[in-house]
Structure formats: structure tokens, C-alpha cells
Amino acid sequence: MHILINDQPVEVPAGSTLADAITQAQPSAPFAAALNREFVPLHRYASLQLRAGDTIEIIRPVTGG
């Protein structure tokens, strides 16, 4: 199934969750994730099943001032 992670096309197996896609992307901690432009709390990553065409944004915090 085709999805986008940070605007890059990615193929994931049917039935994949947000947690599966994040594991595949291997982001460095710390990060936050949004599914279809909606922030997703960490405790929901494993329960959110993906659908073809979903868009995931993996966002790293910016520090400084």
C-alpha cells in the first residue's frame, strides 16, 4: 500500500499501523508524528491503522532562540 512519509512515497504492507511506518522510517528521537495533518499522541501509534494514500509527517522539535 502506498503512503507518504515526509512527502516521500513509501510502500508498507496492508494492515500496517502508524507505529509500523515510523519504525520503517527510523527517525531519530525526539520526534512527533502527524497523520493526515493531525497530531497523534504516542500512545495511539500502535492502534492507528493506515490506509492507502495516508500522509505521515515526522516532525523534530527545533530549539534555540
N, C-alpha and C. Protein backbone atom coordinates (compact mmCIF):
# COMPACT_ATOMS: atom_id res chain seq x y z
N MET A 1 0.85 -1.16 0.00
CA MET A 1 0.00 0.00 0.00
C MET A 1 0.90 1.23 0.00
N HIS A 2 0.52 2.24 -0.76
CA HIS A 2 1.31 3.46 -0.90
C HIS A 2 0.87 4.52 0.10
N ILE A 3 1.85 5.10 0.81
CA ILE A 3 1.62 6.23 1.70
C ILE A 3 2.74 7.23 1.46
N LEU A 4 2.65 8.38 2.11
CA LEU A 4 3.73 9.37 2.06
C LEU A 4 4.25 9.57 3.48
N ILE A 5 5.56 9.58 3.62
CA ILE A 5 6.19 9.94 4.89
C ILE A 5 7.11 11.12 4.59
N ASN A 6 6.79 12.26 5.19
CA ASN A 6 7.54 13.50 4.93
C ASN A 6 7.68 13.75 3.43
N ASP A 7 6.56 13.64 2.73
CA ASP A 7 6.46 13.91 1.29
C ASP A 7 7.21 12.91 0.41
N GLN A 8 7.66 11.80 0.97
CA GLN A 8 8.36 10.77 0.20
C GLN A 8 7.45 9.55 0.08
N PRO A 9 7.26 9.02 -1.13
CA PRO A 9 6.43 7.83 -1.28
C PRO A 9 7.08 6.62 -0.61
N VAL A 10 6.26 5.87 0.09
CA VAL A 10 6.72 4.68 0.82
C VAL A 10 5.70 3.58 0.61
N GLU A 11 6.18 2.37 0.48
CA GLU A 11 5.31 1.19 0.36
C GLU A 11 5.32 0.48 1.70
N VAL A 12 4.13 0.23 2.26
CA VAL A 12 4.00 -0.52 3.51
C VAL A 12 2.99 -1.64 3.29
N PRO A 13 3.10 -2.73 4.03
CA PRO A 13 2.13 -3.82 3.88
C PRO A 13 0.74 -3.39 4.32
N ALA A 14 -0.27 -3.97 3.71
CA ALA A 14 -1.65 -3.73 4.14
C ALA A 14 -1.77 -4.11 5.60
N GLY A 15 -2.55 -3.34 6.35
CA GLY A 15 -2.71 -3.60 7.78
C GLY A 15 -1.67 -2.94 8.65
N SER A 16 -0.76 -2.17 8.04
CA SER A 16 0.28 -1.50 8.82
C SER A 16 -0.32 -0.42 9.70
N THR A 17 0.34 -0.18 10.82
CA THR A 17 -0.08 0.87 11.74
C THR A 17 0.87 2.05 11.61
N LEU A 18 0.51 3.14 12.26
CA LEU A 18 1.40 4.29 12.30
C LEU A 18 2.73 3.89 12.93
N ALA A 19 2.70 3.08 13.97
CA ALA A 19 3.94 2.62 14.62
C ALA A 19 4.82 1.85 13.63
N ASP A 20 4.21 1.01 12.79
CA ASP A 20 4.98 0.25 11.79
C ASP A 20 5.67 1.20 10.81
N ALA A 21 4.95 2.21 10.34
CA ALA A 21 5.52 3.15 9.38
C ALA A 21 6.65 3.96 10.00
N ILE A 22 6.47 4.36 11.25
CA ILE A 22 7.52 5.11 11.94
C ILE A 22 8.76 4.24 12.13
N THR A 23 8.56 2.99 12.47
CA THR A 23 9.69 2.06 12.60
C THR A 23 10.42 1.93 11.28
N GLN A 24 9.68 1.85 10.20
CA GLN A 24 10.30 1.74 8.88
C GLN A 24 11.09 3.01 8.53
N ALA A 25 10.60 4.17 8.94
CA ALA A 25 11.27 5.44 8.63
C ALA A 25 12.51 5.66 9.49
N GLN A 26 12.60 5.02 10.64
CA GLN A 26 13.74 5.11 11.56
C GLN A 26 14.13 6.55 11.92
N PRO A 27 13.19 7.34 12.42
CA PRO A 27 13.57 8.71 12.81
C PRO A 27 14.39 8.71 14.10
N SER A 28 15.21 9.74 14.24
CA SER A 28 15.96 9.93 15.48
C SER A 28 15.07 10.61 16.50
N ALA A 29 15.15 10.15 17.73
CA ALA A 29 14.38 10.78 18.81
C ALA A 29 15.03 12.09 19.18
N PRO A 30 14.29 13.05 19.64
CA PRO A 30 12.85 13.08 19.84
C PRO A 30 12.14 13.49 18.56
N PHE A 31 10.88 13.09 18.44
CA PHE A 31 10.07 13.47 17.29
C PHE A 31 8.60 13.39 17.68
N ALA A 32 7.76 13.99 16.86
CA ALA A 32 6.31 13.88 16.99
C ALA A 32 5.80 13.44 15.62
N ALA A 33 4.59 12.92 15.58
CA ALA A 33 4.03 12.46 14.31
C ALA A 33 2.63 13.02 14.11
N ALA A 34 2.34 13.28 12.85
CA ALA A 34 1.01 13.72 12.45
C ALA A 34 0.54 12.79 11.33
N LEU A 35 -0.71 12.40 11.38
CA LEU A 35 -1.31 11.57 10.34
C LEU A 35 -2.38 12.41 9.67
N ASN A 36 -2.21 12.63 8.36
CA ASN A 36 -3.13 13.46 7.60
C ASN A 36 -3.35 14.81 8.27
N ARG A 37 -2.22 15.40 8.70
CA ARG A 37 -2.16 16.75 9.28
C ARG A 37 -2.76 16.87 10.68
N GLU A 38 -2.99 15.75 11.35
CA GLU A 38 -3.48 15.78 12.72
C GLU A 38 -2.45 15.12 13.64
N PHE A 39 -2.03 15.87 14.67
CA PHE A 39 -1.09 15.34 15.65
C PHE A 39 -1.64 14.06 16.25
N VAL A 40 -0.77 13.07 16.44
CA VAL A 40 -1.16 11.80 17.05
C VAL A 40 -0.33 11.59 18.31
N PRO A 41 -0.97 11.41 19.46
CA PRO A 41 -0.22 11.13 20.68
C PRO A 41 0.49 9.78 20.58
N LEU A 42 1.64 9.69 21.21
CA LEU A 42 2.46 8.47 21.17
C LEU A 42 1.67 7.22 21.52
N HIS A 43 0.79 7.28 22.51
CA HIS A 43 0.07 6.09 22.94
C HIS A 43 -0.91 5.55 21.89
N ARG A 44 -1.13 6.29 20.80
CA ARG A 44 -2.04 5.83 19.74
C ARG A 44 -1.32 5.29 18.51
N TYR A 45 0.01 5.41 18.45
CA TYR A 45 0.75 4.98 17.26
C TYR A 45 0.45 3.53 16.87
N ALA A 46 0.42 2.64 17.84
CA ALA A 46 0.25 1.20 17.55
C ALA A 46 -1.18 0.84 17.19
N SER A 47 -2.15 1.68 17.52
CA SER A 47 -3.55 1.33 17.26
C SER A 47 -4.12 1.98 16.00
N LEU A 48 -3.40 2.92 15.41
CA LEU A 48 -3.91 3.60 14.22
C LEU A 48 -3.51 2.86 12.95
N GLN A 49 -4.49 2.22 12.32
CA GLN A 49 -4.20 1.52 11.07
C GLN A 49 -4.17 2.51 9.92
N LEU A 50 -3.21 2.31 9.04
CA LEU A 50 -3.04 3.19 7.89
C LEU A 50 -3.92 2.75 6.74
N ARG A 51 -4.23 3.72 5.87
CA ARG A 51 -4.97 3.45 4.64
C ARG A 51 -4.15 3.98 3.47
N ALA A 52 -4.35 3.39 2.32
CA ALA A 52 -3.64 3.84 1.13
C ALA A 52 -3.85 5.34 0.95
N GLY A 53 -2.76 6.05 0.65
CA GLY A 53 -2.83 7.48 0.43
C GLY A 53 -2.65 8.33 1.67
N ASP A 54 -2.54 7.70 2.84
CA ASP A 54 -2.31 8.48 4.06
C ASP A 54 -1.00 9.24 3.97
N THR A 55 -0.95 10.36 4.67
CA THR A 55 0.23 11.20 4.73
C THR A 55 0.70 11.29 6.17
N ILE A 56 1.95 10.94 6.40
CA ILE A 56 2.55 11.00 7.74
C ILE A 56 3.65 12.06 7.71
N GLU A 57 3.63 12.90 8.72
CA GLU A 57 4.71 13.86 8.91
C GLU A 57 5.41 13.50 10.20
N ILE A 58 6.71 13.31 10.15
CA ILE A 58 7.52 13.07 11.33
C ILE A 58 8.29 14.37 11.58
N ILE A 59 8.01 14.98 12.72
CA ILE A 59 8.48 16.33 12.99
C ILE A 59 9.46 16.30 14.16
N ARG A 60 10.62 16.94 13.97
CA ARG A 60 11.60 17.06 15.03
C ARG A 60 11.47 18.45 15.66
N PRO A 61 11.58 18.53 16.98
CA PRO A 61 11.50 19.85 17.62
C PRO A 61 12.70 20.71 17.25
N VAL A 62 12.47 22.00 17.23
CA VAL A 62 13.53 22.96 16.95
C VAL A 62 13.83 23.71 18.23
N THR A 63 15.10 23.79 18.57
CA THR A 63 15.48 24.51 19.79
C THR A 63 16.33 25.71 19.41
N GLY A 64 16.50 26.56 20.34
CA GLY A 64 17.33 27.74 20.11
C GLY A 64 16.53 29.00 20.35
N GLY A 65 17.12 30.10 20.08
CA GLY A 65 16.38 31.31 20.35
C GLY A 65 17.00 32.48 19.80
